[in-house]
Amino acid sequence: LLLFDNGNYRACPFDGTTPLADDENYSRGVEFEISEANMSVRQVWEYGETLAEPIYADFISDADSLPTTGNVLMTFGGTSYVGGIPSADLGLGELHMRIVETTHDRIPLKVFELVAYDPEGTITAYRSERIPDLYPQLYVEAPNGVGNSLQGSRVDGQPRLHWLPPVVDSSHDAADYYHVYS
């Protein structure tokens, strides 16, 4: 069972723990393994608790498994604190939102992050979905001596690529890779 734990109050009602203040709190994506046979639940994965700058989104958030990659997509929908600092004090507005994709490894690796904010207001999101790329990508390696720029055109409706003359640019010691959209 994969879910998003906003972390509100982060306290257990059964052990008398004092709820955490918002600036000490964190939100997380978390996965549990449920054994109906043994009537037990065990946490098997988590992203958020051990971040150097914990993110706290106290409402409207989401976590989804991505079947194609095996990664996890999380929406920190109403983020109010980052690293214990209020969103507004960071110049991100009263509330902002983050979309974070991580690997599903024991120690998750962040592979994508989008932060949307309005310094003068609020931006929130209920959930996010990963969709296939609208534009197929073609990776092209520049042959030695032909330059480091491509120009795209269409001939009879078909995409064509043309190498532009070489440009002296000391920052390009090796062949470059290009994203070409048709």
N, C-alpha and C. Protein backbone atom coordinates (compact mmCIF):
# COMPACT_ATOMS: atom_id res chain seq x y z
N LEU A 1 0.85 -1.17 0.00
CA LEU A 1 0.00 0.00 0.00
C LEU A 1 0.89 1.24 0.00
N LEU A 2 0.86 2.00 -1.08
CA LEU A 2 1.64 3.23 -1.20
C LEU A 2 0.70 4.40 -0.94
N LEU A 3 1.13 5.32 -0.08
CA LEU A 3 0.30 6.48 0.20
C LEU A 3 1.15 7.69 0.54
N PHE A 4 0.51 8.85 0.60
CA PHE A 4 1.17 10.08 1.00
C PHE A 4 0.75 10.38 2.42
N ASP A 5 1.72 10.52 3.30
CA ASP A 5 1.49 10.84 4.71
C ASP A 5 1.81 12.31 4.91
N ASN A 6 0.77 13.14 5.04
CA ASN A 6 1.00 14.58 5.25
C ASN A 6 1.75 14.84 6.54
N GLY A 7 1.58 13.98 7.55
CA GLY A 7 2.31 14.12 8.79
C GLY A 7 1.68 15.06 9.79
N ASN A 8 0.41 15.40 9.58
CA ASN A 8 -0.23 16.34 10.49
C ASN A 8 -0.10 15.89 11.94
N TYR A 9 0.50 16.75 12.73
CA TYR A 9 0.72 16.57 14.18
C TYR A 9 1.73 15.48 14.51
N ARG A 10 2.04 14.57 13.60
CA ARG A 10 3.04 13.52 13.76
C ARG A 10 3.12 13.02 15.20
N ALA A 11 2.02 12.49 15.69
CA ALA A 11 1.97 11.97 17.06
C ALA A 11 1.06 10.75 17.09
N CYS A 12 1.30 9.87 18.01
CA CYS A 12 0.48 8.69 18.18
C CYS A 12 -0.49 8.92 19.35
N PRO A 13 -1.78 8.77 19.10
CA PRO A 13 -2.72 9.03 20.19
C PRO A 13 -2.63 8.00 21.32
N PHE A 14 -1.92 6.90 21.08
CA PHE A 14 -1.89 5.84 22.08
C PHE A 14 -0.68 5.89 23.01
N ASP A 15 0.32 6.70 22.70
CA ASP A 15 1.51 6.71 23.56
C ASP A 15 1.73 8.05 24.26
N GLY A 16 0.81 8.98 24.11
CA GLY A 16 0.92 10.25 24.83
C GLY A 16 1.93 11.21 24.26
N THR A 17 2.41 10.98 23.01
CA THR A 17 3.39 11.87 22.41
C THR A 17 2.78 13.25 22.17
N THR A 18 3.57 14.27 22.38
CA THR A 18 3.13 15.63 22.10
C THR A 18 3.22 15.87 20.59
N PRO A 19 2.16 16.41 19.98
CA PRO A 19 2.22 16.69 18.53
C PRO A 19 3.35 17.65 18.20
N LEU A 20 3.96 17.45 17.03
CA LEU A 20 5.04 18.33 16.58
C LEU A 20 4.47 19.64 16.07
N ALA A 21 5.20 20.72 16.27
CA ALA A 21 4.85 22.00 15.66
C ALA A 21 5.11 21.90 14.17
N ASP A 22 4.38 22.69 13.37
CA ASP A 22 4.52 22.64 11.91
C ASP A 22 5.95 22.82 11.45
N ASP A 23 6.71 23.71 12.09
CA ASP A 23 8.08 23.96 11.64
C ASP A 23 9.04 22.81 11.98
N GLU A 24 8.58 21.83 12.74
CA GLU A 24 9.40 20.65 13.06
C GLU A 24 8.91 19.41 12.31
N ASN A 25 7.85 19.55 11.55
CA ASN A 25 7.18 18.42 10.93
C ASN A 25 7.71 18.14 9.53
N TYR A 26 7.30 17.02 8.94
CA TYR A 26 7.66 16.64 7.58
C TYR A 26 6.55 15.79 6.99
N SER A 27 6.47 15.79 5.67
CA SER A 27 5.54 14.93 4.94
C SER A 27 6.37 13.90 4.19
N ARG A 28 5.71 12.81 3.76
CA ARG A 28 6.48 11.75 3.11
C ARG A 28 5.59 10.87 2.25
N GLY A 29 6.22 10.24 1.27
CA GLY A 29 5.61 9.13 0.58
C GLY A 29 6.03 7.89 1.36
N VAL A 30 5.11 6.97 1.58
CA VAL A 30 5.43 5.79 2.40
C VAL A 30 4.68 4.57 1.86
N GLU A 31 5.34 3.42 1.93
CA GLU A 31 4.74 2.17 1.47
C GLU A 31 4.74 1.16 2.60
N PHE A 32 3.62 0.46 2.73
CA PHE A 32 3.48 -0.57 3.75
C PHE A 32 3.18 -1.90 3.09
N GLU A 33 3.70 -2.95 3.69
CA GLU A 33 3.38 -4.33 3.29
C GLU A 33 2.36 -4.85 4.30
N ILE A 34 1.24 -5.35 3.80
CA ILE A 34 0.17 -5.82 4.67
C ILE A 34 0.06 -7.33 4.53
N SER A 35 0.12 -8.02 5.66
CA SER A 35 -0.06 -9.47 5.68
C SER A 35 -1.39 -9.77 6.35
N GLU A 36 -2.36 -10.15 5.53
CA GLU A 36 -3.66 -10.52 6.09
C GLU A 36 -3.55 -11.81 6.90
N ALA A 37 -2.68 -12.72 6.46
CA ALA A 37 -2.53 -14.00 7.17
C ALA A 37 -2.00 -13.79 8.58
N ASN A 38 -1.02 -12.91 8.72
CA ASN A 38 -0.42 -12.66 10.05
C ASN A 38 -1.07 -11.48 10.76
N MET A 39 -1.98 -10.80 10.08
CA MET A 39 -2.62 -9.61 10.65
C MET A 39 -1.57 -8.60 11.08
N SER A 40 -0.63 -8.31 10.15
CA SER A 40 0.45 -7.38 10.49
C SER A 40 0.69 -6.39 9.35
N VAL A 41 1.29 -5.27 9.70
CA VAL A 41 1.65 -4.23 8.75
C VAL A 41 3.10 -3.85 9.01
N ARG A 42 3.87 -3.72 7.91
CA ARG A 42 5.29 -3.38 8.04
C ARG A 42 5.63 -2.31 7.02
N GLN A 43 6.34 -1.26 7.44
CA GLN A 43 6.78 -0.22 6.52
C GLN A 43 7.95 -0.78 5.72
N VAL A 44 7.87 -0.64 4.35
CA VAL A 44 8.92 -1.20 3.50
C VAL A 44 9.64 -0.13 2.67
N TRP A 45 9.10 1.08 2.60
CA TRP A 45 9.74 2.14 1.81
C TRP A 45 9.25 3.49 2.31
N GLU A 46 10.14 4.51 2.15
CA GLU A 46 9.77 5.85 2.60
C GLU A 46 10.65 6.89 1.93
N TYR A 47 10.07 8.05 1.61
CA TYR A 47 10.83 9.20 1.13
C TYR A 47 10.29 10.45 1.82
N GLY A 48 11.15 11.14 2.54
CA GLY A 48 10.75 12.41 3.14
C GLY A 48 11.27 12.63 4.54
N GLU A 49 11.33 11.58 5.35
CA GLU A 49 11.71 11.75 6.75
C GLU A 49 13.16 12.18 6.92
N THR A 50 14.04 11.66 6.11
CA THR A 50 15.47 11.91 6.32
C THR A 50 16.06 12.99 5.40
N LEU A 51 15.22 13.76 4.74
CA LEU A 51 15.73 14.82 3.87
C LEU A 51 16.48 15.86 4.68
N ALA A 52 17.54 16.42 4.10
CA ALA A 52 18.29 17.47 4.78
C ALA A 52 17.39 18.67 5.06
N GLU A 53 16.49 18.97 4.12
CA GLU A 53 15.50 20.03 4.31
C GLU A 53 14.11 19.41 4.16
N PRO A 54 13.55 18.90 5.26
CA PRO A 54 12.25 18.24 5.19
C PRO A 54 11.17 19.16 4.61
N ILE A 55 10.28 18.56 3.86
CA ILE A 55 9.17 19.29 3.22
C ILE A 55 7.91 18.96 4.01
N TYR A 56 7.15 19.99 4.39
CA TYR A 56 5.90 19.76 5.11
C TYR A 56 4.74 20.35 4.31
N ALA A 57 3.90 19.46 3.82
CA ALA A 57 2.69 19.82 3.07
C ALA A 57 1.50 19.27 3.85
N ASP A 58 0.83 20.14 4.58
CA ASP A 58 -0.18 19.64 5.52
C ASP A 58 -1.52 19.28 4.91
N PHE A 59 -1.69 19.46 3.58
CA PHE A 59 -2.94 19.03 2.96
C PHE A 59 -2.75 18.84 1.45
N ILE A 60 -3.75 18.29 0.80
CA ILE A 60 -3.84 17.97 -0.63
C ILE A 60 -2.54 17.49 -1.25
N SER A 61 -2.21 16.25 -1.02
CA SER A 61 -0.99 15.66 -1.58
C SER A 61 -1.30 14.26 -2.10
N ASP A 62 -0.31 13.63 -2.76
CA ASP A 62 -0.57 12.37 -3.44
C ASP A 62 0.74 11.63 -3.67
N ALA A 63 0.67 10.31 -3.74
CA ALA A 63 1.83 9.47 -4.11
C ALA A 63 1.33 8.34 -5.01
N ASP A 64 2.05 8.12 -6.11
CA ASP A 64 1.67 7.10 -7.07
C ASP A 64 2.89 6.31 -7.52
N SER A 65 2.69 5.02 -7.71
CA SER A 65 3.72 4.17 -8.29
C SER A 65 3.65 4.32 -9.81
N LEU A 66 4.80 4.43 -10.45
CA LEU A 66 4.85 4.56 -11.91
C LEU A 66 5.23 3.20 -12.49
N PRO A 67 4.29 2.49 -13.09
CA PRO A 67 4.55 1.12 -13.53
C PRO A 67 5.62 0.98 -14.60
N THR A 68 5.78 1.97 -15.47
CA THR A 68 6.76 1.86 -16.55
C THR A 68 8.19 1.90 -16.01
N THR A 69 8.45 2.80 -15.05
CA THR A 69 9.81 2.97 -14.54
C THR A 69 10.03 2.32 -13.18
N GLY A 70 8.95 2.06 -12.45
CA GLY A 70 9.08 1.56 -11.08
C GLY A 70 9.32 2.68 -10.08
N ASN A 71 9.39 3.92 -10.57
CA ASN A 71 9.62 5.06 -9.69
C ASN A 71 8.35 5.44 -8.94
N VAL A 72 8.47 6.43 -8.05
CA VAL A 72 7.34 6.93 -7.28
C VAL A 72 7.21 8.43 -7.56
N LEU A 73 5.99 8.87 -7.89
CA LEU A 73 5.70 10.27 -8.14
C LEU A 73 4.90 10.80 -6.96
N MET A 74 5.43 11.86 -6.33
CA MET A 74 4.76 12.44 -5.16
C MET A 74 4.43 13.89 -5.42
N THR A 75 3.26 14.30 -4.98
CA THR A 75 2.82 15.69 -5.07
C THR A 75 2.72 16.23 -3.65
N PHE A 76 3.62 17.14 -3.32
CA PHE A 76 3.55 17.86 -2.04
C PHE A 76 2.67 19.07 -2.33
N GLY A 77 1.35 18.89 -2.22
CA GLY A 77 0.37 19.82 -2.77
C GLY A 77 0.25 21.16 -2.10
N GLY A 78 0.22 21.21 -0.80
CA GLY A 78 0.09 22.46 -0.07
C GLY A 78 1.27 22.63 0.86
N THR A 79 2.44 22.91 0.30
CA THR A 79 3.67 22.98 1.09
C THR A 79 3.76 24.31 1.83
N SER A 80 3.91 24.20 3.16
CA SER A 80 3.98 25.42 3.98
C SER A 80 5.33 25.61 4.65
N TYR A 81 6.14 24.55 4.76
CA TYR A 81 7.47 24.65 5.38
C TYR A 81 8.47 23.81 4.60
N VAL A 82 9.69 24.32 4.47
CA VAL A 82 10.82 23.57 3.91
C VAL A 82 11.99 23.77 4.86
N GLY A 83 12.50 22.67 5.40
CA GLY A 83 13.60 22.76 6.34
C GLY A 83 13.25 23.56 7.58
N GLY A 84 11.98 23.53 7.98
CA GLY A 84 11.54 24.25 9.17
C GLY A 84 11.31 25.73 8.96
N ILE A 85 11.47 26.21 7.72
CA ILE A 85 11.30 27.62 7.41
C ILE A 85 9.98 27.80 6.66
N PRO A 86 9.15 28.76 7.08
CA PRO A 86 7.89 28.98 6.37
C PRO A 86 8.12 29.29 4.90
N SER A 87 7.23 28.78 4.06
CA SER A 87 7.31 28.98 2.62
C SER A 87 7.44 30.46 2.27
N ALA A 88 6.65 31.30 2.92
CA ALA A 88 6.68 32.74 2.62
C ALA A 88 8.05 33.35 2.92
N ASP A 89 8.72 32.88 3.97
CA ASP A 89 10.05 33.41 4.32
C ASP A 89 11.11 33.00 3.30
N LEU A 90 10.81 31.97 2.50
CA LEU A 90 11.73 31.52 1.46
C LEU A 90 11.44 32.20 0.12
N GLY A 91 10.44 33.10 0.11
CA GLY A 91 10.06 33.78 -1.13
C GLY A 91 9.18 32.94 -2.03
N LEU A 92 8.56 31.88 -1.48
CA LEU A 92 7.75 30.96 -2.27
C LEU A 92 6.26 31.17 -2.08
N GLY A 93 5.87 32.28 -1.45
CA GLY A 93 4.46 32.55 -1.21
C GLY A 93 3.97 31.85 0.05
N GLU A 94 2.74 32.12 0.39
CA GLU A 94 2.14 31.53 1.60
C GLU A 94 2.17 30.00 1.53
N LEU A 95 1.80 29.44 0.38
CA LEU A 95 1.87 28.00 0.11
C LEU A 95 2.42 27.80 -1.29
N HIS A 96 3.18 26.74 -1.48
CA HIS A 96 3.63 26.37 -2.82
C HIS A 96 3.48 24.87 -2.99
N MET A 97 3.73 24.38 -4.20
CA MET A 97 3.62 22.94 -4.43
C MET A 97 4.88 22.41 -5.08
N ARG A 98 5.13 21.12 -4.81
CA ARG A 98 6.28 20.43 -5.39
C ARG A 98 5.83 19.09 -5.94
N ILE A 99 6.36 18.75 -7.10
CA ILE A 99 6.19 17.41 -7.66
C ILE A 99 7.56 16.79 -7.66
N VAL A 100 7.69 15.63 -7.01
CA VAL A 100 8.98 14.96 -6.88
C VAL A 100 8.84 13.52 -7.36
N GLU A 101 9.74 13.11 -8.27
CA GLU A 101 9.81 11.71 -8.69
C GLU A 101 11.10 11.13 -8.15
N THR A 102 10.99 9.96 -7.50
CA THR A 102 12.18 9.29 -6.95
C THR A 102 12.20 7.84 -7.44
N THR A 103 13.37 7.25 -7.31
CA THR A 103 13.47 5.81 -7.55
C THR A 103 12.78 5.10 -6.38
N HIS A 104 12.48 3.86 -6.56
CA HIS A 104 11.82 3.07 -5.52
C HIS A 104 12.85 2.22 -4.77
N ASP A 105 14.10 2.67 -4.77
CA ASP A 105 15.18 1.95 -4.10
C ASP A 105 15.10 2.12 -2.59
N ARG A 106 15.85 1.29 -1.87
CA ARG A 106 15.89 1.38 -0.41
C ARG A 106 16.27 2.79 0.03
N ILE A 107 17.26 3.37 -0.64
CA ILE A 107 17.60 4.78 -0.45
C ILE A 107 17.17 5.49 -1.73
N PRO A 108 16.00 6.15 -1.72
CA PRO A 108 15.47 6.74 -2.94
C PRO A 108 16.36 7.84 -3.50
N LEU A 109 16.48 7.89 -4.81
CA LEU A 109 17.22 8.93 -5.50
C LEU A 109 16.22 9.83 -6.21
N LYS A 110 16.29 11.13 -6.00
CA LYS A 110 15.40 12.07 -6.67
C LYS A 110 15.82 12.17 -8.13
N VAL A 111 14.88 11.93 -9.05
CA VAL A 111 15.18 12.00 -10.47
C VAL A 111 14.48 13.18 -11.15
N PHE A 112 13.52 13.79 -10.46
CA PHE A 112 12.80 14.94 -11.02
C PHE A 112 12.18 15.73 -9.89
N GLU A 113 12.22 17.06 -10.03
CA GLU A 113 11.52 17.92 -9.06
C GLU A 113 11.05 19.17 -9.78
N LEU A 114 9.80 19.52 -9.55
CA LEU A 114 9.24 20.75 -10.06
C LEU A 114 8.68 21.51 -8.86
N VAL A 115 9.02 22.79 -8.73
CA VAL A 115 8.50 23.64 -7.67
C VAL A 115 7.72 24.76 -8.33
N ALA A 116 6.45 24.91 -7.98
CA ALA A 116 5.62 25.99 -8.51
C ALA A 116 5.22 26.89 -7.36
N TYR A 117 5.42 28.19 -7.54
CA TYR A 117 5.10 29.13 -6.46
C TYR A 117 4.75 30.49 -7.02
N ASP A 118 4.09 31.27 -6.18
CA ASP A 118 3.78 32.67 -6.46
C ASP A 118 4.26 33.44 -5.25
N PRO A 119 5.32 34.25 -5.37
CA PRO A 119 5.87 34.94 -4.21
C PRO A 119 4.85 35.80 -3.47
N GLU A 120 3.81 36.23 -4.17
CA GLU A 120 2.81 37.10 -3.57
C GLU A 120 1.53 36.37 -3.17
N GLY A 121 1.46 35.06 -3.38
CA GLY A 121 0.20 34.36 -3.12
C GLY A 121 0.37 32.90 -2.79
N THR A 122 -0.49 32.09 -3.38
CA THR A 122 -0.57 30.67 -3.06
C THR A 122 -0.73 29.87 -4.35
N ILE A 123 0.02 28.77 -4.46
CA ILE A 123 -0.18 27.80 -5.53
C ILE A 123 -0.22 26.43 -4.88
N THR A 124 -1.28 25.68 -5.13
CA THR A 124 -1.40 24.32 -4.60
C THR A 124 -1.81 23.38 -5.73
N ALA A 125 -1.67 22.10 -5.50
CA ALA A 125 -2.09 21.08 -6.47
C ALA A 125 -2.58 19.87 -5.72
N TYR A 126 -3.69 19.32 -6.17
CA TYR A 126 -4.26 18.15 -5.52
C TYR A 126 -3.46 16.89 -5.83
N ARG A 127 -3.08 16.73 -7.09
CA ARG A 127 -2.29 15.57 -7.50
C ARG A 127 -1.61 15.87 -8.83
N SER A 128 -0.69 15.00 -9.22
CA SER A 128 -0.03 15.11 -10.51
C SER A 128 0.00 13.73 -11.15
N GLU A 129 0.10 13.71 -12.45
CA GLU A 129 0.18 12.46 -13.19
C GLU A 129 1.32 12.58 -14.19
N ARG A 130 2.06 11.49 -14.36
CA ARG A 130 3.12 11.48 -15.37
C ARG A 130 2.51 10.96 -16.66
N ILE A 131 2.68 11.73 -17.74
CA ILE A 131 2.12 11.33 -19.03
C ILE A 131 3.28 11.10 -20.00
N PRO A 132 3.04 10.30 -21.05
CA PRO A 132 4.10 10.08 -22.03
C PRO A 132 4.49 11.40 -22.67
N ASP A 133 5.73 11.49 -23.10
CA ASP A 133 6.23 12.68 -23.76
C ASP A 133 5.41 12.93 -25.03
N LEU A 134 5.04 14.17 -25.25
CA LEU A 134 4.28 14.52 -26.45
C LEU A 134 5.15 14.58 -27.69
N TYR A 135 6.47 14.72 -27.49
CA TYR A 135 7.39 14.87 -28.60
C TYR A 135 8.48 13.81 -28.51
N PRO A 136 8.50 12.83 -29.41
CA PRO A 136 9.55 11.82 -29.34
C PRO A 136 10.93 12.46 -29.50
N GLN A 137 11.89 11.98 -28.76
CA GLN A 137 13.24 12.56 -28.78
C GLN A 137 14.17 11.71 -29.63
N LEU A 138 15.06 12.39 -30.32
CA LEU A 138 16.09 11.75 -31.12
C LEU A 138 17.42 12.30 -30.63
N TYR A 139 18.34 11.44 -30.23
CA TYR A 139 19.65 11.87 -29.75
C TYR A 139 20.65 11.70 -30.89
N VAL A 140 21.35 12.78 -31.22
CA VAL A 140 22.25 12.79 -32.35
C VAL A 140 23.63 13.19 -31.87
N GLU A 141 24.67 12.43 -32.25
CA GLU A 141 26.03 12.80 -31.90
C GLU A 141 26.65 13.51 -33.09
N ALA A 142 27.25 14.68 -32.80
CA ALA A 142 27.87 15.46 -33.87
C ALA A 142 29.15 14.78 -34.34
N PRO A 143 29.27 14.47 -35.65
CA PRO A 143 30.52 13.90 -36.17
C PRO A 143 31.65 14.92 -36.04
N ASN A 144 32.86 14.45 -35.86
CA ASN A 144 34.01 15.35 -35.72
C ASN A 144 34.13 16.24 -36.95
N GLY A 145 34.39 17.54 -36.69
CA GLY A 145 34.67 18.47 -37.76
C GLY A 145 33.49 19.09 -38.45
N VAL A 146 32.24 18.72 -38.09
CA VAL A 146 31.10 19.30 -38.80
C VAL A 146 30.42 20.41 -38.02
N GLY A 147 30.88 20.72 -36.84
CA GLY A 147 30.26 21.80 -36.07
C GLY A 147 29.53 21.25 -34.86
N ASN A 148 28.88 22.16 -34.18
CA ASN A 148 28.20 21.74 -32.97
C ASN A 148 26.77 22.26 -32.91
N SER A 149 26.18 22.56 -34.07
CA SER A 149 24.80 23.05 -34.10
C SER A 149 24.03 22.36 -35.21
N LEU A 150 22.81 22.00 -34.90
CA LEU A 150 21.90 21.41 -35.87
C LEU A 150 20.80 22.40 -36.20
N GLN A 151 20.36 22.36 -37.44
CA GLN A 151 19.20 23.15 -37.83
C GLN A 151 18.17 22.17 -38.34
N GLY A 152 16.94 22.32 -37.87
CA GLY A 152 15.86 21.44 -38.30
C GLY A 152 14.98 22.12 -39.32
N SER A 153 14.49 21.36 -40.28
CA SER A 153 13.55 21.88 -41.27
C SER A 153 12.63 20.74 -41.69
N ARG A 154 11.66 21.06 -42.49
CA ARG A 154 10.76 20.03 -43.03
C ARG A 154 10.80 20.08 -44.55
N VAL A 155 10.92 18.89 -45.16
CA VAL A 155 10.88 18.76 -46.61
C VAL A 155 9.77 17.77 -46.91
N ASP A 156 8.77 18.21 -47.67
CA ASP A 156 7.60 17.37 -47.96
C ASP A 156 6.97 16.80 -46.68
N GLY A 157 6.93 17.63 -45.63
CA GLY A 157 6.30 17.22 -44.38
C GLY A 157 7.16 16.34 -43.48
N GLN A 158 8.37 15.98 -43.94
CA GLN A 158 9.25 15.12 -43.16
C GLN A 158 10.35 15.96 -42.51
N PRO A 159 10.71 15.65 -41.26
CA PRO A 159 11.78 16.40 -40.60
C PRO A 159 13.14 16.09 -41.22
N ARG A 160 13.94 17.14 -41.40
CA ARG A 160 15.30 17.00 -41.92
C ARG A 160 16.24 17.75 -40.99
N LEU A 161 17.42 17.23 -40.81
CA LEU A 161 18.43 17.87 -39.97
C LEU A 161 19.62 18.26 -40.82
N HIS A 162 20.17 19.46 -40.57
CA HIS A 162 21.32 19.95 -41.31
C HIS A 162 22.34 20.46 -40.31
N TRP A 163 23.60 20.02 -40.46
CA TRP A 163 24.67 20.55 -39.59
C TRP A 163 25.05 21.93 -40.06
N LEU A 164 25.15 22.87 -39.15
CA LEU A 164 25.60 24.22 -39.46
C LEU A 164 27.12 24.25 -39.45
N PRO A 165 27.75 25.22 -40.13
CA PRO A 165 29.21 25.30 -40.17
C PRO A 165 29.78 25.37 -38.76
N PRO A 166 31.02 24.86 -38.59
CA PRO A 166 31.63 24.86 -37.26
C PRO A 166 31.76 26.27 -36.69
N VAL A 167 31.58 26.35 -35.39
CA VAL A 167 31.76 27.60 -34.66
C VAL A 167 32.84 27.35 -33.64
N VAL A 168 33.82 28.22 -33.57
CA VAL A 168 34.89 28.06 -32.60
C VAL A 168 34.33 28.36 -31.22
N ASP A 169 34.33 27.37 -30.38
CA ASP A 169 33.76 27.53 -29.03
C ASP A 169 34.54 26.60 -28.11
N SER A 170 35.40 27.16 -27.29
CA SER A 170 36.27 26.36 -26.44
C SER A 170 35.51 25.57 -25.38
N SER A 171 34.23 25.89 -25.16
CA SER A 171 33.47 25.15 -24.15
C SER A 171 32.99 23.80 -24.69
N HIS A 172 33.17 23.55 -25.99
CA HIS A 172 32.71 22.30 -26.59
C HIS A 172 33.91 21.48 -27.05
N ASP A 173 34.61 20.88 -26.12
CA ASP A 173 35.77 20.07 -26.46
C ASP A 173 35.39 18.69 -26.99
N ALA A 174 34.21 18.23 -26.59
CA ALA A 174 33.77 16.89 -27.03
C ALA A 174 32.49 17.04 -27.83
N ALA A 175 32.11 15.97 -28.50
CA ALA A 175 30.87 16.00 -29.28
C ALA A 175 29.69 16.28 -28.35
N ASP A 176 28.77 17.09 -28.83
CA ASP A 176 27.57 17.42 -28.05
C ASP A 176 26.43 16.47 -28.41
N TYR A 177 25.47 16.37 -27.51
CA TYR A 177 24.27 15.61 -27.77
C TYR A 177 23.11 16.60 -27.88
N TYR A 178 22.19 16.33 -28.78
CA TYR A 178 21.10 17.27 -29.04
C TYR A 178 19.78 16.56 -28.86
N HIS A 179 18.80 17.29 -28.38
CA HIS A 179 17.42 16.83 -28.37
C HIS A 179 16.78 17.43 -29.61
N VAL A 180 16.29 16.60 -30.48
CA VAL A 180 15.67 17.07 -31.71
C VAL A 180 14.22 16.67 -31.68
N TYR A 181 13.32 17.64 -31.82
CA TYR A 181 11.90 17.38 -31.77
C TYR A 181 11.32 17.51 -33.16
N SER A 182 10.55 16.54 -33.56
CA SER A 182 9.94 16.61 -34.90
C SER A 182 8.44 16.73 -34.78
